[in-house]
């Protein structure tokens, strides 16, 4: 495992298309910003397999919606505690 130290506002790049920015460092958590292609699925590690199935269903619904309407569909947001 590669372990890096970063300060607020600093970034790291994964390959050519993924950019991770340290947005905020708090006492007990770090807030990260991730810029990546929209077709790349980004999940927290604690999500389980049934959560993946739900996300895949949302993607199918979004795809159908996009095909029926000639505008890009809003990207679904998932808020999980």
N, C-alpha and C. Protein backbone atom coordinates (compact mmCIF):
# COMPACT_ATOMS: atom_id res chain seq x y z
N UNK A 1 0.85 -1.17 0.00
CA UNK A 1 0.00 0.00 0.00
C UNK A 1 0.90 1.24 0.00
N UNK A 2 0.58 2.17 -0.85
CA UNK A 2 1.27 3.45 -0.89
C UNK A 2 0.57 4.40 0.08
N UNK A 3 1.31 5.03 0.96
CA UNK A 3 0.75 5.98 1.92
C UNK A 3 1.37 7.35 1.64
N UNK A 4 0.53 8.35 1.42
CA UNK A 4 0.98 9.70 1.11
C UNK A 4 0.46 10.69 2.14
N UNK A 5 1.21 11.73 2.38
CA UNK A 5 0.74 12.84 3.21
C UNK A 5 0.38 14.00 2.30
N UNK A 6 -0.79 14.59 2.52
CA UNK A 6 -1.24 15.73 1.71
C UNK A 6 -1.86 16.75 2.65
N UNK A 7 -1.79 18.01 2.29
CA UNK A 7 -2.41 19.10 3.04
C UNK A 7 -3.65 19.56 2.30
N UNK A 8 -4.50 20.35 2.97
CA UNK A 8 -5.68 20.90 2.31
C UNK A 8 -5.28 21.61 1.03
N UNK A 9 -6.05 21.37 -0.02
CA UNK A 9 -5.81 22.00 -1.31
C UNK A 9 -4.82 21.24 -2.19
N UNK A 10 -4.07 20.31 -1.63
CA UNK A 10 -3.13 19.54 -2.43
C UNK A 10 -3.87 18.42 -3.15
N UNK A 11 -3.28 17.97 -4.24
CA UNK A 11 -3.94 17.00 -5.12
C UNK A 11 -3.01 15.83 -5.40
N UNK A 12 -3.61 14.75 -5.86
CA UNK A 12 -2.85 13.65 -6.40
C UNK A 12 -3.60 13.09 -7.59
N UNK A 13 -2.86 12.58 -8.53
CA UNK A 13 -3.44 12.10 -9.78
C UNK A 13 -3.26 10.59 -9.89
N UNK A 14 -4.34 9.91 -10.30
CA UNK A 14 -4.29 8.47 -10.55
C UNK A 14 -4.46 8.28 -12.05
N UNK A 15 -3.43 7.88 -12.72
CA UNK A 15 -3.50 7.73 -14.17
C UNK A 15 -3.70 9.08 -14.83
N UNK A 16 -4.31 9.07 -16.01
CA UNK A 16 -4.52 10.29 -16.78
C UNK A 16 -5.84 10.98 -16.49
N UNK A 17 -6.81 10.25 -15.90
CA UNK A 17 -8.17 10.78 -15.84
C UNK A 17 -8.73 10.98 -14.44
N UNK A 18 -8.00 10.64 -13.39
CA UNK A 18 -8.54 10.75 -12.04
C UNK A 18 -7.70 11.71 -11.23
N UNK A 19 -8.36 12.72 -10.65
CA UNK A 19 -7.69 13.72 -9.83
C UNK A 19 -8.39 13.76 -8.48
N UNK A 20 -7.61 13.59 -7.41
CA UNK A 20 -8.15 13.61 -6.05
C UNK A 20 -7.59 14.84 -5.35
N UNK A 21 -8.49 15.65 -4.77
CA UNK A 21 -8.10 16.87 -4.07
C UNK A 21 -8.48 16.74 -2.60
N UNK A 22 -7.57 17.10 -1.71
CA UNK A 22 -7.89 17.15 -0.28
C UNK A 22 -8.61 18.47 -0.07
N UNK A 23 -9.92 18.41 0.16
CA UNK A 23 -10.74 19.60 0.29
C UNK A 23 -10.65 20.18 1.70
N UNK A 24 -10.75 19.30 2.71
CA UNK A 24 -10.73 19.77 4.09
C UNK A 24 -10.20 18.67 5.00
N UNK A 25 -9.40 19.06 5.96
CA UNK A 25 -8.90 18.13 6.97
C UNK A 25 -9.47 18.56 8.31
N UNK A 26 -10.21 17.67 8.96
CA UNK A 26 -10.79 17.95 10.27
C UNK A 26 -10.11 17.12 11.33
N UNK A 27 -10.63 17.21 12.53
CA UNK A 27 -10.05 16.48 13.66
C UNK A 27 -10.18 14.97 13.49
N UNK A 28 -11.31 14.52 12.91
CA UNK A 28 -11.53 13.07 12.82
C UNK A 28 -11.87 12.58 11.41
N UNK A 29 -11.81 13.47 10.40
CA UNK A 29 -12.06 13.00 9.04
C UNK A 29 -11.44 13.94 8.02
N UNK A 30 -11.31 13.41 6.82
CA UNK A 30 -10.75 14.15 5.69
C UNK A 30 -11.81 14.19 4.60
N UNK A 31 -12.03 15.35 4.02
CA UNK A 31 -12.99 15.49 2.91
C UNK A 31 -12.20 15.52 1.61
N UNK A 32 -12.55 14.62 0.68
CA UNK A 32 -11.85 14.51 -0.59
C UNK A 32 -12.77 14.89 -1.74
N UNK A 33 -12.22 15.53 -2.74
CA UNK A 33 -12.92 15.79 -3.99
C UNK A 33 -12.33 14.89 -5.05
N UNK A 34 -13.17 14.23 -5.83
CA UNK A 34 -12.69 13.30 -6.85
C UNK A 34 -13.23 13.72 -8.20
N UNK A 35 -12.32 13.97 -9.14
CA UNK A 35 -12.70 14.23 -10.52
C UNK A 35 -12.33 12.98 -11.31
N UNK A 36 -13.34 12.37 -11.94
CA UNK A 36 -13.12 11.14 -12.68
C UNK A 36 -14.16 11.05 -13.80
N UNK A 37 -13.90 10.21 -14.79
CA UNK A 37 -14.90 10.03 -15.85
C UNK A 37 -16.23 9.58 -15.27
N UNK A 38 -17.33 10.03 -15.86
CA UNK A 38 -18.65 9.72 -15.32
C UNK A 38 -18.99 8.24 -15.40
N UNK A 39 -18.31 7.49 -16.25
CA UNK A 39 -18.59 6.05 -16.33
C UNK A 39 -17.82 5.24 -15.29
N UNK A 40 -17.01 5.89 -14.47
CA UNK A 40 -16.26 5.20 -13.43
C UNK A 40 -17.06 5.18 -12.14
N UNK A 41 -17.33 3.99 -11.63
CA UNK A 41 -18.09 3.84 -10.40
C UNK A 41 -17.14 4.04 -9.21
N UNK A 42 -17.48 4.98 -8.33
CA UNK A 42 -16.66 5.28 -7.15
C UNK A 42 -17.51 5.01 -5.93
N UNK A 43 -17.07 4.08 -5.09
CA UNK A 43 -17.83 3.69 -3.91
C UNK A 43 -16.95 3.71 -2.68
N UNK A 44 -17.56 4.00 -1.54
CA UNK A 44 -16.86 3.82 -0.27
C UNK A 44 -16.70 2.32 -0.05
N UNK A 45 -15.63 1.94 0.59
CA UNK A 45 -15.31 0.52 0.78
C UNK A 45 -16.35 -0.21 1.63
N UNK A 46 -17.05 0.49 2.53
CA UNK A 46 -17.98 -0.19 3.42
C UNK A 46 -19.31 -0.54 2.76
N UNK A 47 -19.56 -0.09 1.54
CA UNK A 47 -20.80 -0.46 0.86
C UNK A 47 -20.78 -1.93 0.50
N UNK A 48 -21.92 -2.59 0.64
CA UNK A 48 -22.00 -4.02 0.41
C UNK A 48 -22.52 -4.33 -0.99
N UNK A 49 -22.50 -5.59 -1.35
CA UNK A 49 -22.89 -6.02 -2.69
C UNK A 49 -24.31 -5.59 -3.04
N UNK A 50 -25.27 -5.67 -2.10
CA UNK A 50 -26.64 -5.27 -2.44
C UNK A 50 -26.71 -3.78 -2.76
N UNK A 51 -25.80 -2.98 -2.20
CA UNK A 51 -25.75 -1.56 -2.54
C UNK A 51 -25.31 -1.38 -3.99
N UNK A 52 -24.39 -2.22 -4.45
CA UNK A 52 -23.94 -2.17 -5.83
C UNK A 52 -25.09 -2.46 -6.79
N UNK A 53 -25.92 -3.44 -6.44
CA UNK A 53 -27.06 -3.78 -7.28
C UNK A 53 -28.02 -2.60 -7.38
N UNK A 54 -28.23 -1.89 -6.28
CA UNK A 54 -29.10 -0.72 -6.28
C UNK A 54 -28.53 0.38 -7.17
N UNK A 55 -27.23 0.58 -7.08
CA UNK A 55 -26.58 1.61 -7.90
C UNK A 55 -26.67 1.24 -9.37
N UNK A 56 -26.45 -0.04 -9.70
CA UNK A 56 -26.57 -0.48 -11.08
C UNK A 56 -27.97 -0.24 -11.61
N UNK A 57 -29.00 -0.45 -10.78
CA UNK A 57 -30.38 -0.20 -11.18
C UNK A 57 -30.58 1.30 -11.46
N UNK A 58 -30.03 2.16 -10.61
CA UNK A 58 -30.13 3.60 -10.84
C UNK A 58 -29.49 3.98 -12.17
N UNK A 59 -28.34 3.36 -12.49
CA UNK A 59 -27.67 3.65 -13.75
C UNK A 59 -28.53 3.23 -14.93
N UNK A 60 -29.21 2.08 -14.82
CA UNK A 60 -30.09 1.64 -15.91
C UNK A 60 -31.25 2.61 -16.08
N UNK A 61 -31.83 3.06 -14.97
CA UNK A 61 -32.94 4.02 -15.04
C UNK A 61 -32.45 5.32 -15.67
N UNK A 62 -31.28 5.78 -15.28
CA UNK A 62 -30.73 7.01 -15.84
C UNK A 62 -30.51 6.85 -17.34
N UNK A 63 -30.00 5.69 -17.76
CA UNK A 63 -29.75 5.44 -19.17
C UNK A 63 -31.05 5.48 -19.96
N UNK A 64 -32.10 4.84 -19.46
CA UNK A 64 -33.39 4.86 -20.14
C UNK A 64 -33.92 6.28 -20.21
N UNK A 65 -33.84 7.02 -19.12
CA UNK A 65 -34.31 8.40 -19.09
C UNK A 65 -33.56 9.24 -20.11
N UNK A 66 -32.26 9.05 -20.21
CA UNK A 66 -31.45 9.82 -21.14
C UNK A 66 -31.82 9.48 -22.58
N UNK A 67 -32.16 8.22 -22.84
CA UNK A 67 -32.52 7.84 -24.19
C UNK A 67 -33.87 8.42 -24.59
N UNK A 68 -34.79 8.56 -23.66
CA UNK A 68 -36.13 9.05 -23.98
C UNK A 68 -36.15 10.57 -24.13
N UNK A 69 -35.35 11.27 -23.39
CA UNK A 69 -35.31 12.72 -23.42
C UNK A 69 -33.99 13.13 -24.05
N UNK A 70 -34.01 14.12 -24.90
CA UNK A 70 -32.81 14.50 -25.63
C UNK A 70 -31.91 15.44 -24.82
N UNK A 71 -31.89 15.28 -23.50
CA UNK A 71 -31.03 16.07 -22.63
C UNK A 71 -30.36 15.12 -21.66
N UNK A 72 -29.18 15.49 -21.15
CA UNK A 72 -28.55 14.62 -20.16
C UNK A 72 -29.38 14.56 -18.89
N UNK A 73 -29.51 13.38 -18.34
CA UNK A 73 -30.25 13.19 -17.10
C UNK A 73 -29.42 13.70 -15.93
N UNK A 74 -30.06 14.24 -14.89
CA UNK A 74 -29.30 14.63 -13.71
C UNK A 74 -28.66 13.41 -13.08
N UNK A 75 -27.43 13.58 -12.60
CA UNK A 75 -26.72 12.46 -11.99
C UNK A 75 -27.32 12.14 -10.63
N UNK A 76 -27.65 10.87 -10.37
CA UNK A 76 -28.23 10.51 -9.08
C UNK A 76 -27.25 10.78 -7.95
N UNK A 77 -27.74 11.24 -6.82
CA UNK A 77 -26.91 11.46 -5.65
C UNK A 77 -27.29 10.46 -4.59
N UNK A 78 -26.32 9.88 -3.95
CA UNK A 78 -26.56 8.93 -2.89
C UNK A 78 -25.99 9.53 -1.62
N UNK A 79 -26.81 9.66 -0.61
CA UNK A 79 -26.37 10.15 0.70
C UNK A 79 -26.57 9.02 1.68
N UNK A 80 -25.48 8.50 2.17
CA UNK A 80 -25.55 7.37 3.10
C UNK A 80 -24.72 7.71 4.34
N UNK A 81 -25.25 7.38 5.47
CA UNK A 81 -24.53 7.64 6.72
C UNK A 81 -23.58 6.51 7.01
